[in-house]
């Protein structure tokens, strides 16, 4: 029996404007019961979310709204969630973050075909103001080109 694929996809739209992505990874999320139910309803936000290392493990700080039908077992919306990556990926990420001052930010949260919550993270470097202005110019030029050739 084939499962239908879900259309839940939560993106961090501001991330590509604020950061230059160097390398991307896909990680699993360690969640409790009411958290996955809220994600399936699309009630999570990646705005102002980031990742940090604690005791050799990678954690993400993000907001998942409380489940509406949850009882006293409901989750804390702002708690840290553990990211599930291989040991090799974790050590590589930690080396790069410490050595070159890069940061790790979540880009996209989605449900896989099996129903697991997955998160795409990126090793990123913050953009300067002139880089952001250049991106806006390119975006405007592209939009004008599409408008004239339609």
Protein backbone atom coordinates (compact mmCIF):
# COMPACT_ATOMS: atom_id res chain seq x y z
CA UNK A 1 0.00 0.00 0.00
CA UNK A 2 1.49 3.30 -1.06
CA UNK A 3 1.23 6.33 1.22
CA UNK A 4 0.24 9.64 -0.25
CA UNK A 5 2.92 12.28 -0.06
CA UNK A 6 2.14 15.25 2.15
CA UNK A 7 2.29 18.81 0.97
CA UNK A 8 3.60 20.27 4.23
CA UNK A 9 6.59 22.45 3.49
CA UNK A 10 7.60 25.30 5.78
CA UNK A 11 10.33 27.57 4.42
CA UNK A 12 12.61 30.19 5.89
CA UNK A 13 12.21 32.75 3.08
CA UNK A 14 14.33 35.41 4.77
CA UNK A 15 17.36 33.11 5.07
CA UNK A 16 18.48 33.34 1.44
CA UNK A 17 18.39 37.14 1.64
CA UNK A 18 20.30 37.32 4.94
CA UNK A 19 22.83 34.51 4.37
CA UNK A 20 25.04 33.03 1.68
CA UNK A 21 24.67 29.23 1.73
CA UNK A 22 27.92 27.27 1.59
CA UNK A 23 26.77 23.70 2.16
CA UNK A 24 23.35 22.09 2.69
CA UNK A 25 22.36 19.05 4.79
CA UNK A 26 19.15 17.15 5.51
CA UNK A 27 18.54 16.09 9.10
CA UNK A 28 15.82 14.34 11.03
CA UNK A 29 14.10 15.94 14.02
CA UNK A 30 13.54 14.36 17.41
CA UNK A 31 9.95 15.33 18.28
CA UNK A 32 7.29 14.42 20.81
CA UNK A 33 3.74 13.40 19.86
CA UNK A 34 1.96 16.74 19.86
CA UNK A 35 4.81 18.44 17.97
CA UNK A 36 4.47 16.21 14.92
CA UNK A 37 0.70 16.73 14.97
CA UNK A 38 1.20 20.50 14.90
CA UNK A 39 3.70 20.20 12.03
CA UNK A 40 1.21 18.10 10.06
CA UNK A 41 -1.24 20.99 10.46
CA UNK A 42 1.45 23.39 9.20
CA UNK A 43 1.77 25.27 12.49
CA UNK A 44 5.54 25.69 12.72
CA UNK A 45 7.74 28.67 12.01
CA UNK A 46 11.39 28.92 10.94
CA UNK A 47 11.53 32.70 11.31
CA UNK A 48 14.43 33.67 13.61
CA UNK A 49 15.40 30.02 14.07
CA UNK A 50 18.99 28.82 14.30
CA UNK A 51 21.10 25.80 15.26
CA UNK A 52 23.69 25.44 17.99
CA UNK A 53 26.05 22.78 19.31
CA UNK A 54 25.70 21.52 22.87
CA UNK A 55 27.81 18.61 24.19
CA UNK A 56 28.66 17.48 20.66
CA UNK A 57 24.99 17.38 19.59
CA UNK A 58 23.23 19.75 17.22
CA UNK A 59 20.04 21.43 18.44
CA UNK A 60 17.62 23.71 16.61
CA UNK A 61 15.76 26.59 18.25
CA UNK A 62 12.46 27.01 16.45
CA UNK A 63 8.80 27.61 17.21
CA UNK A 64 6.16 24.89 16.85
CA UNK A 65 2.71 26.05 17.97
CA UNK A 66 0.96 24.00 20.66
CA UNK A 67 -1.44 21.35 19.36
CA UNK A 68 -5.03 22.62 19.67
CA UNK A 69 -6.44 19.32 20.90
CA UNK A 70 -3.55 18.48 23.22
CA UNK A 71 -4.23 17.94 26.89
CA UNK A 72 -1.79 18.56 29.74
CA UNK A 73 0.70 16.48 27.69
CA UNK A 74 1.12 19.34 25.21
CA UNK A 75 4.67 20.42 24.34
CA UNK A 76 6.56 23.64 25.08
CA UNK A 77 6.42 25.65 21.80
CA UNK A 78 9.92 27.12 22.09
CA UNK A 79 11.88 24.13 23.36
CA UNK A 80 15.12 23.04 21.66
CA UNK A 81 14.80 20.06 19.33
CA UNK A 82 17.64 17.65 18.63
CA UNK A 83 18.76 17.21 15.03
CA UNK A 84 19.57 13.70 13.89
CA UNK A 85 22.73 13.63 11.77
CA UNK A 86 25.57 11.14 11.44
CA UNK A 87 28.61 11.53 13.70
CA UNK A 88 30.78 12.37 10.68
CA UNK A 89 28.43 15.16 9.56
CA UNK A 90 28.23 16.56 13.09
CA UNK A 91 32.00 16.70 13.57
CA UNK A 92 32.49 18.27 10.13
CA UNK A 93 29.87 20.93 10.83
CA UNK A 94 31.28 21.69 14.27
CA UNK A 95 34.82 22.09 12.88
CA UNK A 96 33.64 24.56 10.25
CA UNK A 97 31.51 26.57 12.67
CA UNK A 98 34.33 26.94 15.21
CA UNK A 99 37.17 27.52 12.73
CA UNK A 100 35.67 29.99 10.27
CA UNK A 101 32.85 31.64 12.22
CA UNK A 102 30.05 30.29 10.04
CA UNK A 103 26.54 29.64 11.34
CA UNK A 104 23.98 26.89 10.79
CA UNK A 105 20.45 27.92 9.90
CA UNK A 106 17.32 25.92 9.03
CA UNK A 107 16.05 26.50 5.50
CA UNK A 108 13.06 24.20 5.08
CA UNK A 109 10.93 21.87 7.22
CA UNK A 110 8.94 19.14 5.49
CA UNK A 111 7.47 15.67 5.90
CA UNK A 112 9.14 12.82 4.02
CA UNK A 113 7.26 10.15 2.09
CA UNK A 114 7.35 7.91 5.17
CA UNK A 115 5.84 10.66 7.32
CA UNK A 116 9.03 11.64 9.15
CA UNK A 117 9.73 15.30 9.88
CA UNK A 118 12.89 16.39 8.06
CA UNK A 119 14.69 19.70 8.13
CA UNK A 120 17.11 21.12 5.57
CA UNK A 121 19.90 23.09 7.22
CA UNK A 122 22.67 25.13 5.67
CA UNK A 123 26.14 26.12 6.71
CA UNK A 124 25.97 29.83 6.02
CA UNK A 125 27.87 33.10 6.11
CA UNK A 126 26.05 36.37 6.81
CA UNK A 127 25.78 38.78 3.88
CA UNK A 128 26.97 42.35 4.04
CA UNK A 129 24.65 45.24 3.16
CA UNK A 130 26.14 45.68 -0.32
CA UNK A 131 25.59 41.97 -1.09
CA UNK A 132 21.91 42.35 -0.19
CA UNK A 133 21.57 45.41 -2.43
CA UNK A 134 23.16 43.49 -5.31
CA UNK A 135 20.68 40.62 -4.80
CA UNK A 136 17.76 43.06 -4.90
CA UNK A 137 19.05 44.58 -8.15
CA UNK A 138 19.34 41.14 -9.77
CA UNK A 139 15.88 40.15 -8.56
CA UNK A 140 14.33 43.35 -9.96
CA UNK A 141 16.13 42.93 -13.29
CA UNK A 142 14.95 39.33 -13.59
CA UNK A 143 11.35 40.33 -12.82
CA UNK A 144 11.48 43.11 -15.45
CA UNK A 145 12.85 40.69 -18.07
CA UNK A 146 10.06 38.18 -17.36
CA UNK A 147 7.45 40.93 -17.54
CA UNK A 148 8.64 42.20 -20.93
CA UNK A 149 8.84 38.78 -22.57
CA UNK A 150 5.46 37.42 -21.53
